[in-house]
Structure formats: C-alpha cells, structure tokens
C-alpha cells in the first residue's frame, strides 16, 4: 500500500465515527463508496445477464459459471466492506470499551461464511 494511500485512510478514520448514541452509520470514504457501488452495479448487470440466459435456455453449465462469477464478485465486495468495518468501526468501539462489537461481528461472520 502506498504511503499516500495509507495517510488518506488514517485521515478518513480520524474524521469518522461509527455511531453516535443509538444511531449506527458507516463512514466510508467517497472513494470506497464509489468503488463498492461500481462493483455492485456490475454485479447487478451480471444478474440481469443470467436472467436473460435462463430465459433464452442457455446451456446450464454456462449459466452456472456465470452464477459462480457473480458469487465471487459479491464475496469480494463483502470482504472489502468487512475489512473497512474491522479497521474502523470495530477498532473504534473496542477502544471505547464496547466489547459487544465482538459478539456482533461473530454473528455477522457466521452469516457471511454460510
């Protein structure tokens, strides 16, 4: 990771807060949000493509390969989101003494790896 990129991440984390009171919000940089939205738009297009493949009676193996690609792309978005969550929200809440975040994270991880 480039030094400038690391500095930008640190600055973003210093300006952000995961939650105030009972309100929970993320605080991704504009670059990260744009990256995730772009990936999700691509995935959305892939899903529409698979729907079209099924409607056109495309060979099952070809459809399944597209589904595998979609799952992989969605997992990549999940990993990116998880990494950002761990490096910001989770660390912040632990530093504040809120250890419930660990239980919350374990529940979420169990859902992600099903």
PDB file of N, CA and C in Angstrom:
ATOM      1  N   UNK A   1       0.854  -1.184   0.000  1.00  0.00           N
ATOM      2  CA  UNK A   1       0.000   0.000   0.000  1.00  0.00           C
ATOM      3  C   UNK A   1       0.889   1.232   0.000  1.00  0.00           C
ATOM      4  N   UNK A   2       0.600   2.163  -0.839  1.00  0.00           N
ATOM      5  CA  UNK A   2       1.379   3.387  -0.959  1.00  0.00           C
ATOM      6  C   UNK A   2       1.227   4.238   0.299  1.00  0.00           C
ATOM      7  N   UNK A   3       2.276   4.979   0.612  1.00  0.00           N
ATOM      8  CA  UNK A   3       2.284   5.821   1.810  1.00  0.00           C
ATOM      9  C   UNK A   3       1.147   6.832   1.779  1.00  0.00           C
ATOM     10  N   UNK A   4       0.925   7.465   0.620  1.00  0.00           N
ATOM     11  CA  UNK A   4      -0.145   8.470   0.494  1.00  0.00           C
ATOM     12  C   UNK A   4      -1.516   7.836   0.733  1.00  0.00           C
ATOM     13  N   UNK A   5      -1.713   6.629   0.195  1.00  0.00           N
ATOM     14  CA  UNK A   5      -2.996   5.940   0.376  1.00  0.00           C
ATOM     15  C   UNK A   5      -3.230   5.629   1.851  1.00  0.00           C
ATOM     16  N   UNK A   6      -2.176   5.198   2.549  1.00  0.00           N
ATOM     17  CA  UNK A   6      -2.280   4.914   3.977  1.00  0.00           C
ATOM     18  C   UNK A   6      -2.610   6.179   4.752  1.00  0.00           C
ATOM     19  N   UNK A   7      -1.966   7.290   4.407  1.00  0.00           N
ATOM     20  CA  UNK A   7      -2.257   8.570   5.059  1.00  0.00           C
ATOM     21  C   UNK A   7      -3.713   8.976   4.860  1.00  0.00           C
ATOM     22  N   UNK A   8      -4.237   8.757   3.641  1.00  0.00           N
ATOM     23  CA  UNK A   8      -5.636   9.092   3.352  1.00  0.00           C
ATOM     24  C   UNK A   8      -6.582   8.249   4.203  1.00  0.00           C
ATOM     25  N   UNK A   9      -6.253   6.961   4.371  1.00  0.00           N
ATOM     26  CA  UNK A   9      -7.098   6.097   5.191  1.00  0.00           C
ATOM     27  C   UNK A   9      -7.083   6.540   6.645  1.00  0.00           C
ATOM     28  N   UNK A  10      -5.911   6.876   7.154  1.00  0.00           N
ATOM     29  CA  UNK A  10      -5.803   7.330   8.541  1.00  0.00           C
ATOM     30  C   UNK A  10      -6.601   8.611   8.734  1.00  0.00           C
ATOM     31  N   UNK A  11      -6.482   9.545   7.799  1.00  0.00           N
ATOM     32  CA  UNK A  11      -7.222  10.808   7.885  1.00  0.00           C
ATOM     33  C   UNK A  11      -8.724  10.554   7.876  1.00  0.00           C
ATOM     34  N   UNK A  12      -9.166   9.660   7.010  1.00  0.00           N
ATOM     35  CA  UNK A  12     -10.592   9.329   6.937  1.00  0.00           C
ATOM     36  C   UNK A  12     -11.066   8.742   8.256  1.00  0.00           C
ATOM     37  N   UNK A  13     -10.274   7.852   8.841  1.00  0.00           N
ATOM     38  CA  UNK A  13     -10.662   7.224  10.101  1.00  0.00           C
ATOM     39  C   UNK A  13     -10.691   8.239  11.238  1.00  0.00           C
ATOM     40  N   UNK A  14      -9.766   9.181  11.228  1.00  0.00           N
ATOM     41  CA  UNK A  14      -9.733  10.184  12.286  1.00  0.00           C
ATOM     42  C   UNK A  14     -10.944  11.107  12.228  1.00  0.00           C
ATOM     43  N   UNK A  15     -11.486  11.342  11.049  1.00  0.00           N
ATOM     44  CA  UNK A  15     -12.623  12.240  10.889  1.00  0.00           C
ATOM     45  C   UNK A  15     -13.952  11.533  11.130  1.00  0.00           C
ATOM     46  N   UNK A  16     -13.941  10.228  11.164  1.00  0.00           N
ATOM     47  CA  UNK A  16     -15.184   9.463  11.159  1.00  0.00           C
ATOM     48  C   UNK A  16     -15.555   8.973  12.550  1.00  0.00           C
ATOM     49  N   UNK A  17     -16.809   8.631  12.669  1.00  0.00           N
ATOM     50  CA  UNK A  17     -17.317   7.985  13.871  1.00  0.00           C
ATOM     51  C   UNK A  17     -18.392   7.005  13.450  1.00  0.00           C
ATOM     52  N   UNK A  18     -18.290   5.769  13.940  1.00  0.00           N
ATOM     53  CA  UNK A  18     -19.227   4.716  13.520  1.00  0.00           C
ATOM     54  C   UNK A  18     -20.621   4.925  14.064  1.00  0.00           C
ATOM     55  N   UNK A  19     -20.698   5.436  15.248  1.00  0.00           N
ATOM     56  CA  UNK A  19     -22.022   5.595  15.834  1.00  0.00           C
ATOM     57  C   UNK A  19     -22.002   6.731  16.841  1.00  0.00           C
ATOM     58  N   UNK A  20     -23.120   7.380  16.917  1.00  0.00           N
ATOM     59  CA  UNK A  20     -23.293   8.415  17.924  1.00  0.00           C
ATOM     60  C   UNK A  20     -24.586   8.093  18.642  1.00  0.00           C
ATOM     61  N   UNK A  21     -24.468   7.803  19.911  1.00  0.00           N
ATOM     62  CA  UNK A  21     -25.665   7.409  20.654  1.00  0.00           C
ATOM     63  C   UNK A  21     -26.197   6.096  20.116  1.00  0.00           C
ATOM     64  N   UNK A  22     -27.478   6.067  19.766  1.00  0.00           N
ATOM     65  CA  UNK A  22     -28.086   4.833  19.277  1.00  0.00           C
ATOM     66  C   UNK A  22     -28.043   4.724  17.755  1.00  0.00           C
ATOM     67  N   UNK A  23     -27.603   5.784  17.077  1.00  0.00           N
ATOM     68  CA  UNK A  23     -27.548   5.765  15.615  1.00  0.00           C
ATOM     69  C   UNK A  23     -26.263   5.089  15.145  1.00  0.00           C
ATOM     70  N   UNK A  24     -26.431   4.117  14.237  1.00  0.00           N
ATOM     71  CA  UNK A  24     -25.275   3.413  13.688  1.00  0.00           C
ATOM     72  C   UNK A  24     -25.170   3.744  12.207  1.00  0.00           C
ATOM     73  N   UNK A  25     -24.004   4.217  11.813  1.00  0.00           N
ATOM     74  CA  UNK A  25     -23.767   4.561  10.411  1.00  0.00           C
ATOM     75  C   UNK A  25     -22.352   4.152  10.055  1.00  0.00           C
ATOM     76  N   UNK A  26     -22.158   3.888   8.778  1.00  0.00           N
ATOM     77  CA  UNK A  26     -20.798   3.654   8.312  1.00  0.00           C
ATOM     78  C   UNK A  26     -20.181   5.001   7.962  1.00  0.00           C
ATOM     79  N   UNK A  27     -18.902   4.991   7.749  1.00  0.00           N
ATOM     80  CA  UNK A  27     -18.225   6.226   7.382  1.00  0.00           C
ATOM     81  C   UNK A  27     -17.129   5.930   6.366  1.00  0.00           C
ATOM     82  N   UNK A  28     -17.542   5.379   5.242  1.00  0.00           N
ATOM     83  CA  UNK A  28     -16.596   5.059   4.181  1.00  0.00           C
ATOM     84  C   UNK A  28     -16.208   6.329   3.433  1.00  0.00           C
ATOM     85  N   UNK A  29     -14.990   6.328   2.952  1.00  0.00           N
ATOM     86  CA  UNK A  29     -14.552   7.455   2.126  1.00  0.00           C
ATOM     87  C   UNK A  29     -15.360   7.449   0.835  1.00  0.00           C
ATOM     88  N   UNK A  30     -15.394   8.591   0.174  1.00  0.00           N
ATOM     89  CA  UNK A  30     -16.103   8.678  -1.106  1.00  0.00           C
ATOM     90  C   UNK A  30     -15.517   7.696  -2.115  1.00  0.00           C
ATOM     91  N   UNK A  31     -14.205   7.522  -2.076  1.00  0.00           N
ATOM     92  CA  UNK A  31     -13.534   6.592  -2.992  1.00  0.00           C
ATOM     93  C   UNK A  31     -13.998   5.156  -2.734  1.00  0.00           C
ATOM     94  N   UNK A  32     -14.077   4.762  -1.464  1.00  0.00           N
ATOM     95  CA  UNK A  32     -14.516   3.411  -1.117  1.00  0.00           C
ATOM     96  C   UNK A  32     -15.968   3.201  -1.501  1.00  0.00           C
ATOM     97  N   UNK A  33     -16.814   4.183  -1.196  1.00  0.00           N
ATOM     98  CA  UNK A  33     -18.232   4.073  -1.572  1.00  0.00           C
ATOM     99  C   UNK A  33     -18.378   3.932  -3.073  1.00  0.00           C
ATOM    100  N   UNK A  34     -17.665   4.750  -3.806  1.00  0.00           N
ATOM    101  CA  UNK A  34     -17.730   4.709  -5.263  1.00  0.00           C
ATOM    102  C   UNK A  34     -17.282   3.345  -5.787  1.00  0.00           C
ATOM    103  N   UNK A  35     -16.222   2.818  -5.203  1.00  0.00           N
ATOM    104  CA  UNK A  35     -15.711   1.503  -5.590  1.00  0.00           C
ATOM    105  C   UNK A  35     -16.765   0.420  -5.349  1.00  0.00           C
ATOM    106  N   UNK A  36     -17.364   0.422  -4.162  1.00  0.00           N
ATOM    107  CA  UNK A  36     -18.366  -0.599  -3.840  1.00  0.00           C
ATOM    108  C   UNK A  36     -19.605  -0.466  -4.715  1.00  0.00           C
ATOM    109  N   UNK A  37     -20.078   0.754  -4.932  1.00  0.00           N
ATOM    110  CA  UNK A  37     -21.261   0.968  -5.774  1.00  0.00           C
ATOM    111  C   UNK A  37     -20.981   0.522  -7.203  1.00  0.00           C
ATOM    112  N   UNK A  38     -19.793   0.819  -7.695  1.00  0.00           N
ATOM    113  CA  UNK A  38     -19.412   0.399  -9.045  1.00  0.00           C
ATOM    114  C   UNK A  38     -19.415  -1.122  -9.163  1.00  0.00           C
ATOM    115  N   UNK A  39     -18.841  -1.781  -8.175  1.00  0.00           N
ATOM    116  CA  UNK A  39     -18.826  -3.253  -8.175  1.00  0.00           C
ATOM    117  C   UNK A  39     -20.243  -3.814  -8.118  1.00  0.00           C
ATOM    118  N   UNK A  40     -21.078  -3.225  -7.269  1.00  0.00           N
ATOM    119  CA  UNK A  40     -22.457  -3.707  -7.143  1.00  0.00           C
ATOM    120  C   UNK A  40     -23.256  -3.461  -8.416  1.00  0.00           C
ATOM    121  N   UNK A  41     -23.000  -2.356  -9.087  1.00  0.00           N
ATOM    122  CA  UNK A  41     -23.665  -2.105 -10.370  1.00  0.00           C
ATOM    123  C   UNK A  41     -23.274  -3.164 -11.394  1.00  0.00           C
ATOM    124  N   UNK A  42     -21.995  -3.534 -11.405  1.00  0.00           N
ATOM    125  CA  UNK A  42     -21.520  -4.573 -12.311  1.00  0.00           C
ATOM    126  C   UNK A  42     -22.196  -5.910 -11.985  1.00  0.00           C
ATOM    127  N   UNK A  43     -22.298  -6.223 -10.699  1.00  0.00           N
ATOM    128  CA  UNK A  43     -22.945  -7.464 -10.265  1.00  0.00           C
ATOM    129  C   UNK A  43     -24.413  -7.461 -10.668  1.00  0.00           C
ATOM    130  N   UNK A  44     -25.058  -6.326 -10.493  1.00  0.00           N
ATOM    131  CA  UNK A  44     -26.462  -6.189 -10.883  1.00  0.00           C
ATOM    132  C   UNK A  44     -26.628  -6.491 -12.376  1.00  0.00           C
ATOM    133  N   UNK A  45     -25.713  -5.992 -13.182  1.00  0.00           N
ATOM    134  CA  UNK A  45     -25.749  -6.268 -14.615  1.00  0.00           C
ATOM    135  C   UNK A  45     -25.529  -7.740 -14.913  1.00  0.00           C
ATOM    136  N   UNK A  46     -24.612  -8.358 -14.163  1.00  0.00           N
ATOM    137  CA  UNK A  46     -24.368  -9.789 -14.348  1.00  0.00           C
ATOM    138  C   UNK A  46     -25.617 -10.600 -14.007  1.00  0.00           C
ATOM    139  N   UNK A  47     -26.316 -10.206 -12.966  1.00  0.00           N
ATOM    140  CA  UNK A  47     -27.533 -10.923 -12.573  1.00  0.00           C
ATOM    141  C   UNK A  47     -28.593 -10.797 -13.658  1.00  0.00           C
ATOM    142  N   UNK A  48     -28.737  -9.594 -14.203  1.00  0.00           N
ATOM    143  CA  UNK A  48     -29.681  -9.426 -15.322  1.00  0.00           C
ATOM    144  C   UNK A  48     -29.276 -10.303 -16.502  1.00  0.00           C
ATOM    145  N   UNK A  49     -27.966 -10.419 -16.726  1.00  0.00           N
ATOM    146  CA  UNK A  49     -27.467 -11.274 -17.800  1.00  0.00           C
ATOM    147  C   UNK A  49     -27.816 -12.731 -17.583  1.00  0.00           C
ATOM    148  N   UNK A  50     -27.692 -13.200 -16.352  1.00  0.00           N
ATOM    149  CA  UNK A  50     -28.040 -14.590 -16.038  1.00  0.00           C
ATOM    150  C   UNK A  50     -29.533 -14.816 -16.236  1.00  0.00           C
ATOM    151  N   UNK A  51     -30.322 -13.859 -15.820  1.00  0.00           N
ATOM    152  CA  UNK A  51     -31.771 -13.962 -16.031  1.00  0.00           C
ATOM    153  C   UNK A  51     -32.068 -14.113 -17.522  1.00  0.00           C
ATOM    154  N   UNK A  52     -31.408 -13.303 -18.342  1.00  0.00           N
ATOM    155  CA  UNK A  52     -31.583 -13.400 -19.788  1.00  0.00           C
ATOM    156  C   UNK A  52     -31.122 -14.740 -20.326  1.00  0.00           C
ATOM    157  N   UNK A  53     -30.020 -15.256 -19.776  1.00  0.00           N
ATOM    158  CA  UNK A  53     -29.518 -16.561 -20.210  1.00  0.00           C
ATOM    159  C   UNK A  53     -30.546 -17.651 -19.938  1.00  0.00           C
ATOM    160  N   UNK A  54     -31.164 -17.586 -18.773  1.00  0.00           N
ATOM    161  CA  UNK A  54     -32.174 -18.588 -18.416  1.00  0.00           C
ATOM    162  C   UNK A  54     -33.379 -18.459 -19.333  1.00  0.00           C
ATOM    163  N   UNK A  55     -33.804 -17.227 -19.585  1.00  0.00           N
ATOM    164  CA  UNK A  55     -34.951 -17.008 -20.478  1.00  0.00           C
ATOM    165  C   UNK A  55     -34.663 -17.505 -21.894  1.00  0.00           C
ATOM    166  N   UNK A  56     -33.393 -17.499 -22.310  1.00  0.00           N
ATOM    167  CA  UNK A  56     -33.015 -17.948 -23.659  1.00  0.00           C
ATOM    168  C   UNK A  56     -32.611 -19.425 -23.689  1.00  0.00           C
ATOM    169  N   UNK A  57     -32.828 -20.119 -22.566  1.00  0.00           N
ATOM    170  CA  UNK A  57     -32.492 -21.548 -22.460  1.00  0.00           C
ATOM    171  C   UNK A  57     -31.009 -21.824 -22.719  1.00  0.00           C
ATOM    172  N   UNK A  58     -30.156 -20.962 -22.209  1.00  0.00           N
ATOM    173  CA  UNK A  58     -28.710 -21.150 -22.343  1.00  0.00           C
ATOM    174  C   UNK A  58     -28.300 -22.409 -21.588  1.00  0.00           C
ATOM    175  N   UNK A  59     -27.306 -23.089 -22.107  1.00  0.00           N
ATOM    176  CA  UNK A  59     -26.799 -24.323 -21.520  1.00  0.00           C
ATOM    177  C   UNK A  59     -26.505 -24.118 -20.023  1.00  0.00           C
ATOM    178  N   UNK A  60     -26.972 -25.062 -19.216  1.00  0.00           N
ATOM    179  CA  UNK A  60     -26.906 -24.940 -17.750  1.00  0.00           C
ATOM    180  C   UNK A  60     -25.500 -24.658 -17.228  1.00  0.00           C
ATOM    181  N   UNK A  61     -24.501 -25.348 -17.774  1.00  0.00           N
ATOM    182  CA  UNK A  61     -23.136 -25.162 -17.297  1.00  0.00           C
ATOM    183  C   UNK A  61     -22.672 -23.720 -17.503  1.00  0.00           C
ATOM    184  N   UNK A  62     -23.054 -23.125 -18.609  1.00  0.00           N
ATOM    185  CA  UNK A  62     -22.693 -21.730 -18.871  1.00  0.00           C
ATOM    186  C   UNK A  62     -23.352 -20.790 -17.857  1.00  0.00           C
ATOM    187  N   UNK A  63     -24.606 -21.064 -17.539  1.00  0.00           N
ATOM    188  CA  UNK A  63     -25.325 -20.255 -16.547  1.00  0.00           C
ATOM    189  C   UNK A  63     -24.681 -20.420 -15.173  1.00  0.00           C
ATOM    190  N   UNK A  64     -24.360 -21.655 -14.818  1.00  0.00           N
ATOM    191  CA  UNK A  64     -23.739 -21.920 -13.518  1.00  0.00           C
ATOM    192  C   UNK A  64     -22.380 -21.229 -13.393  1.00  0.00           C
ATOM    193  N   UNK A  65     -21.623 -21.188 -14.470  1.00  0.00           N
ATOM    194  CA  UNK A  65     -20.334 -20.479 -14.443  1.00  0.00           C
ATOM    195  C   UNK A  65     -20.533 -18.986 -14.216  1.00  0.00           C
ATOM    196  N   UNK A  66     -21.564 -18.425 -14.808  1.00  0.00           N
ATOM    197  CA  UNK A  66     -21.872 -17.008 -14.581  1.00  0.00           C
ATOM    198  C   UNK A  66     -22.308 -16.771 -13.136  1.00  0.00           C
ATOM    199  N   UNK A  67     -23.091 -17.690 -12.597  1.00  0.00           N
ATOM    200  CA  UNK A  67     -23.523 -17.578 -11.195  1.00  0.00           C
ATOM    201  C   UNK A  67     -22.309 -17.631 -10.270  1.00  0.00           C
ATOM    202  N   UNK A  68     -21.357 -18.522 -10.568  1.00  0.00           N
ATOM    203  CA  UNK A  68     -20.132 -18.611  -9.762  1.00  0.00           C
ATOM    204  C   UNK A  68     -19.355 -17.295  -9.816  1.00  0.00           C
ATOM    205  N   UNK A  69     -19.300 -16.679 -10.986  1.00  0.00           N
ATOM    206  CA  UNK A  69     -18.602 -15.396 -11.127  1.00  0.00           C
ATOM    207  C   UNK A  69     -19.295 -14.313 -10.302  1.00  0.00           C
ATOM    208  N   UNK A  70     -20.621 -14.335 -10.302  1.00  0.00           N
ATOM    209  CA  UNK A  70     -21.390 -13.357  -9.518  1.00  0.00           C
ATOM    210  C   UNK A  70     -21.132 -13.549  -8.030  1.00  0.00           C
ATOM    211  N   UNK A  71     -21.143 -14.809  -7.585  1.00  0.00           N
ATOM    212  CA  UNK A  71     -20.895 -15.082  -6.169  1.00  0.00           C
ATOM    213  C   UNK A  71     -19.503 -14.609  -5.760  1.00  0.00           C
ATOM    214  N   UNK A  72     -18.525 -14.842  -6.619  1.00  0.00           N
ATOM    215  CA  UNK A  72     -17.162 -14.405  -6.336  1.00  0.00           C
ATOM    216  C   UNK A  72     -17.083 -12.880  -6.244  1.00  0.00           C
ATOM    217  N   UNK A  73     -17.739 -12.204  -7.168  1.00  0.00           N
ATOM    218  CA  UNK A  73     -17.738 -10.734  -7.159  1.00  0.00           C
ATOM    219  C   UNK A  73     -18.426 -10.193  -5.909  1.00  0.00           C
ATOM    220  N   UNK A  74     -19.519 -10.804  -5.516  1.00  0.00           N
ATOM    221  CA  UNK A  74     -20.237 -10.372  -4.318  1.00  0.00           C
ATOM    222  C   UNK A  74     -19.401 -10.633  -3.065  1.00  0.00           C
ATOM    223  N   UNK A  75     -18.705 -11.768  -3.042  1.00  0.00           N
ATOM    224  CA  UNK A  75     -17.811 -12.053  -1.921  1.00  0.00           C
ATOM    225  C   UNK A  75     -16.701 -11.012  -1.824  1.00  0.00           C
ATOM    226  N   UNK A  76     -16.212 -10.541  -2.961  1.00  0.00           N
ATOM    227  CA  UNK A  76     -15.167  -9.512  -2.957  1.00  0.00           C
ATOM    228  C   UNK A  76     -15.672  -8.208  -2.345  1.00  0.00           C
ATOM    229  N   UNK A  77     -16.897  -7.841  -2.661  1.00  0.00           N
ATOM    230  CA  UNK A  77     -17.488  -6.640  -2.059  1.00  0.00           C
ATOM    231  C   UNK A  77     -17.630  -6.845  -0.552  1.00  0.00           C
ATOM    232  N   UNK A  78     -18.079  -8.024  -0.152  1.00  0.00           N
ATOM    233  CA  UNK A  78     -18.219  -8.332   1.268  1.00  0.00           C
ATOM    234  C   UNK A  78     -16.891  -8.260   1.999  1.00  0.00           C
ATOM    235  N   UNK A  79     -15.832  -8.778   1.383  1.00  0.00           N
ATOM    236  CA  UNK A  79     -14.502  -8.730   2.002  1.00  0.00           C
ATOM    237  C   UNK A  79     -14.027  -7.292   2.171  1.00  0.00           C
ATOM    238  N   UNK A  80     -14.249  -6.484   1.148  1.00  0.00           N
ATOM    239  CA  UNK A  80     -13.859  -5.074   1.221  1.00  0.00           C
ATOM    240  C   UNK A  80     -14.609  -4.362   2.346  1.00  0.00           C
ATOM    241  N   UNK A  81     -15.897  -4.602   2.426  1.00  0.00           N
ATOM    242  CA  UNK A  81     -16.715  -3.984   3.466  1.00  0.00           C
ATOM    243  C   UNK A  81     -16.285  -4.466   4.847  1.00  0.00           C
ATOM    244  N   UNK A  82     -16.012  -5.765   4.974  1.00  0.00           N
ATOM    245  CA  UNK A  82     -15.572  -6.324   6.248  1.00  0.00           C
ATOM    246  C   UNK A  82     -14.234  -5.728   6.670  1.00  0.00           C
ATOM    247  N   UNK A  83     -13.309  -5.624   5.731  1.00  0.00           N
ATOM    248  CA  UNK A  83     -12.002  -5.047   6.041  1.00  0.00           C
ATOM    249  C   UNK A  83     -12.141  -3.615   6.556  1.00  0.00           C
ATOM    250  N   UNK A  84     -12.954  -2.825   5.882  1.00  0.00           N
ATOM    251  CA  UNK A  84     -13.174  -1.448   6.326  1.00  0.00           C
ATOM    252  C   UNK A  84     -13.866  -1.405   7.682  1.00  0.00           C
ATOM    253  N   UNK A  85     -14.806  -2.302   7.895  1.00  0.00           N
ATOM    254  CA  UNK A  85     -15.524  -2.360   9.170  1.00  0.00           C
ATOM    255  C   UNK A  85     -14.559  -2.697  10.311  1.00  0.00           C
ATOM    256  N   UNK A  86     -13.708  -3.693  10.090  1.00  0.00           N
ATOM    257  CA  UNK A  86     -12.745  -4.084  11.118  1.00  0.00           C
ATOM    258  C   UNK A  86     -11.770  -2.950  11.428  1.00  0.00           C
ATOM    259  N   UNK A  87     -11.290  -2.284  10.383  1.00  0.00           N
ATOM    260  CA  UNK A  87     -10.283  -1.239  10.562  1.00  0.00           C
ATOM    261  C   UNK A  87     -10.833   0.072  11.091  1.00  0.00           C
ATOM    262  N   UNK A  88     -12.132   0.199  11.142  1.00  0.00           N
ATOM    263  CA  UNK A  88     -12.696   1.453  11.636  1.00  0.00           C
ATOM    264  C   UNK A  88     -13.682   1.192  12.770  1.00  0.00           C
ATOM    265  N   UNK A  89     -14.861   0.755  12.447  1.00  0.00           N
ATOM    266  CA  UNK A  89     -15.933   0.624  13.440  1.00  0.00           C
ATOM    267  C   UNK A  89     -15.558  -0.301  14.597  1.00  0.00           C
ATOM    268  N   UNK A  90     -15.037  -1.481  14.273  1.00  0.00           N
ATOM    269  CA  UNK A  90     -14.735  -2.459  15.321  1.00  0.00           C
ATOM    270  C   UNK A  90     -13.636  -1.932  16.234  1.00  0.00           C
ATOM    271  N   UNK A  91     -12.565  -1.432  15.643  1.00  0.00           N
ATOM    272  CA  UNK A  91     -11.467  -0.891  16.458  1.00  0.00           C
ATOM    273  C   UNK A  91     -11.962   0.260  17.325  1.00  0.00           C
ATOM    274  N   UNK A  92     -12.737   1.148  16.732  1.00  0.00           N
ATOM    275  CA  UNK A  92     -13.251   2.306  17.469  1.00  0.00           C
ATOM    276  C   UNK A  92     -14.099   1.870  18.661  1.00  0.00           C
ATOM    277  N   UNK A  93     -14.990   0.930  18.434  1.00  0.00           N
ATOM    278  CA  UNK A  93     -15.883   0.501  19.517  1.00  0.00           C
ATOM    279  C   UNK A  93     -15.129  -0.243  20.617  1.00  0.00           C
ATOM    280  N   UNK A  94     -14.129  -1.026  20.255  1.00  0.00           N
ATOM    281  CA  UNK A  94     -13.321  -1.703  21.269  1.00  0.00           C
ATOM    282  C   UNK A  94     -12.563  -0.670  22.097  1.00  0.00           C
ATOM    283  N   UNK A  95     -12.002   0.339  21.438  1.00  0.00           N
ATOM    284  CA  UNK A  95     -11.282   1.396  22.155  1.00  0.00           C
ATOM    285  C   UNK A  95     -12.199   2.163  23.096  1.00  0.00           C
ATOM    286  N   UNK A  96     -13.493   2.223  22.752  1.00  0.00           N
ATOM    287  CA  UNK A  96     -14.474   2.885  23.615  1.00  0.00           C
ATOM    288  C   UNK A  96     -14.954   1.961  24.731  1.00  0.00           C
ATOM    289  N   UNK A  97     -14.456   0.716  24.755  1.00  0.00           N
ATOM    290  CA  UNK A  97     -14.857  -0.239  25.777  1.00  0.00           C
ATOM    291  C   UNK A  97     -16.117  -1.012  25.438  1.00  0.00           C
ATOM    292  N   UNK A  98     -16.590  -0.906  24.220  1.00  0.00           N
ATOM    293  CA  UNK A  98     -17.809  -1.596  23.788  1.00  0.00           C
ATOM    294  C   UNK A  98     -17.437  -2.959  23.211  1.00  0.00           C
ATOM    295  N   UNK A  99     -17.322  -3.956  24.087  1.00  0.00           N
ATOM    296  CA  UNK A  99     -16.924  -5.286  23.650  1.00  0.00           C
ATOM    297  C   UNK A  99     -18.068  -6.081  23.035  1.00  0.00           C
ATOM    298  N   UNK A 100     -19.292  -5.550  23.062  1.00  0.00           N
ATOM    299  CA  UNK A 100     -20.412  -6.205  22.379  1.00  0.00           C
ATOM    300  C   UNK A 100     -20.161  -6.294  20.879  1.00  0.00           C
ATOM    301  N   UNK A 101     -19.293  -5.447  20.369  1.00  0.00           N
ATOM    302  CA  UNK A 101     -18.995  -5.450  18.940  1.00  0.00           C
ATOM    303  C   UNK A 101     -18.391  -6.792  18.514  1.00  0.00           C
ATOM    304  N   UNK A 102     -17.695  -7.471  19.410  1.00  0.00           N
ATOM    305  CA  UNK A 102     -17.104  -8.772  19.090  1.00  0.00           C
ATOM    306  C   UNK A 102     -18.204  -9.799  18.853  1.00  0.00           C
ATOM    307  N   UNK A 103     -19.193  -9.839  19.724  1.00  0.00           N
ATOM    308  CA  UNK A 103     -20.317 -10.764  19.551  1.00  0.00           C
ATOM    309  C   UNK A 103     -21.058 -10.441  18.263  1.00  0.00           C
ATOM    310  N   UNK A 104     -21.295  -9.168  18.037  1.00  0.00           N
ATOM    311  CA  UNK A 104     -21.976  -8.724  16.818  1.00  0.00           C
ATOM    312  C   UNK A 104     -21.200  -9.162  15.574  1.00  0.00           C
ATOM    313  N   UNK A 105     -19.884  -9.003  15.620  1.00  0.00           N
ATOM    314  CA  UNK A 105     -19.034  -9.383  14.497  1.00  0.00           C
ATOM    315  C   UNK A 105     -19.070 -10.896  14.267  1.00  0.00           C
ATOM    316  N   UNK A 106     -19.077 -11.679  15.337  1.00  0.00           N
ATOM    317  CA  UNK A 106     -19.130 -13.138  15.196  1.00  0.00           C
ATOM    318  C   UNK A 106     -20.437 -13.582  14.551  1.00  0.00           C
ATOM    319  N   UNK A 107     -21.549 -12.975  14.931  1.00  0.00           N
ATOM    320  CA  UNK A 107     -22.845 -13.291  14.315  1.00  0.00           C
ATOM    321  C   UNK A 107     -22.802 -12.958  12.827  1.00  0.00           C
ATOM    322  N   UNK A 108     -22.274 -11.798  12.504  1.00  0.00           N
ATOM    323  CA  UNK A 108     -22.179 -11.382  11.102  1.00  0.00           C
ATOM    324  C   UNK A 108     -21.265 -12.313  10.315  1.00  0.00           C
ATOM    325  N   UNK A 109     -20.122 -12.676  10.883  1.00  0.00           N
ATOM    326  CA  UNK A 109     -19.191 -13.581  10.198  1.00  0.00           C
ATOM    327  C   UNK A 109     -19.845 -14.931   9.926  1.00  0.00           C
ATOM    328  N   UNK A 110     -20.612 -15.435  10.889  1.00  0.00           N
ATOM    329  CA  UNK A 110     -21.309 -16.706  10.677  1.00  0.00           C
ATOM    330  C   UNK A 110     -22.290 -16.613   9.517  1.00  0.00           C
ATOM    331  N   UNK A 111     -22.939 -15.482   9.371  1.00  0.00           N
ATOM    332  CA  UNK A 111     -23.857 -15.293   8.241  1.00  0.00           C
ATOM    333  C   UNK A 111     -23.093 -15.228   6.922  1.00  0.00           C
ATOM    334  N   UNK A 112     -21.948 -14.570   6.928  1.00  0.00           N
ATOM    335  CA  UNK A 112     -21.165 -14.405   5.703  1.00  0.00           C
ATOM    336  C   UNK A 112     -20.565 -15.710   5.197  1.00  0.00           C
ATOM    337  N   UNK A 113     -20.188 -16.602   6.106  1.00  0.00           N
ATOM    338  CA  UNK A 113     -19.491 -17.817   5.674  1.00  0.00           C
ATOM    339  C   UNK A 113     -20.406 -19.024   5.531  1.00  0.00           C
ATOM    340  N   UNK A 114     -21.692 -18.817   5.586  1.00  0.00           N
ATOM    341  CA  UNK A 114     -22.624 -19.933   5.393  1.00  0.00           C
ATOM    342  C   UNK A 114     -22.528 -20.461   4.001  1.00  0.00           C
TER     343      UNK A 114
END
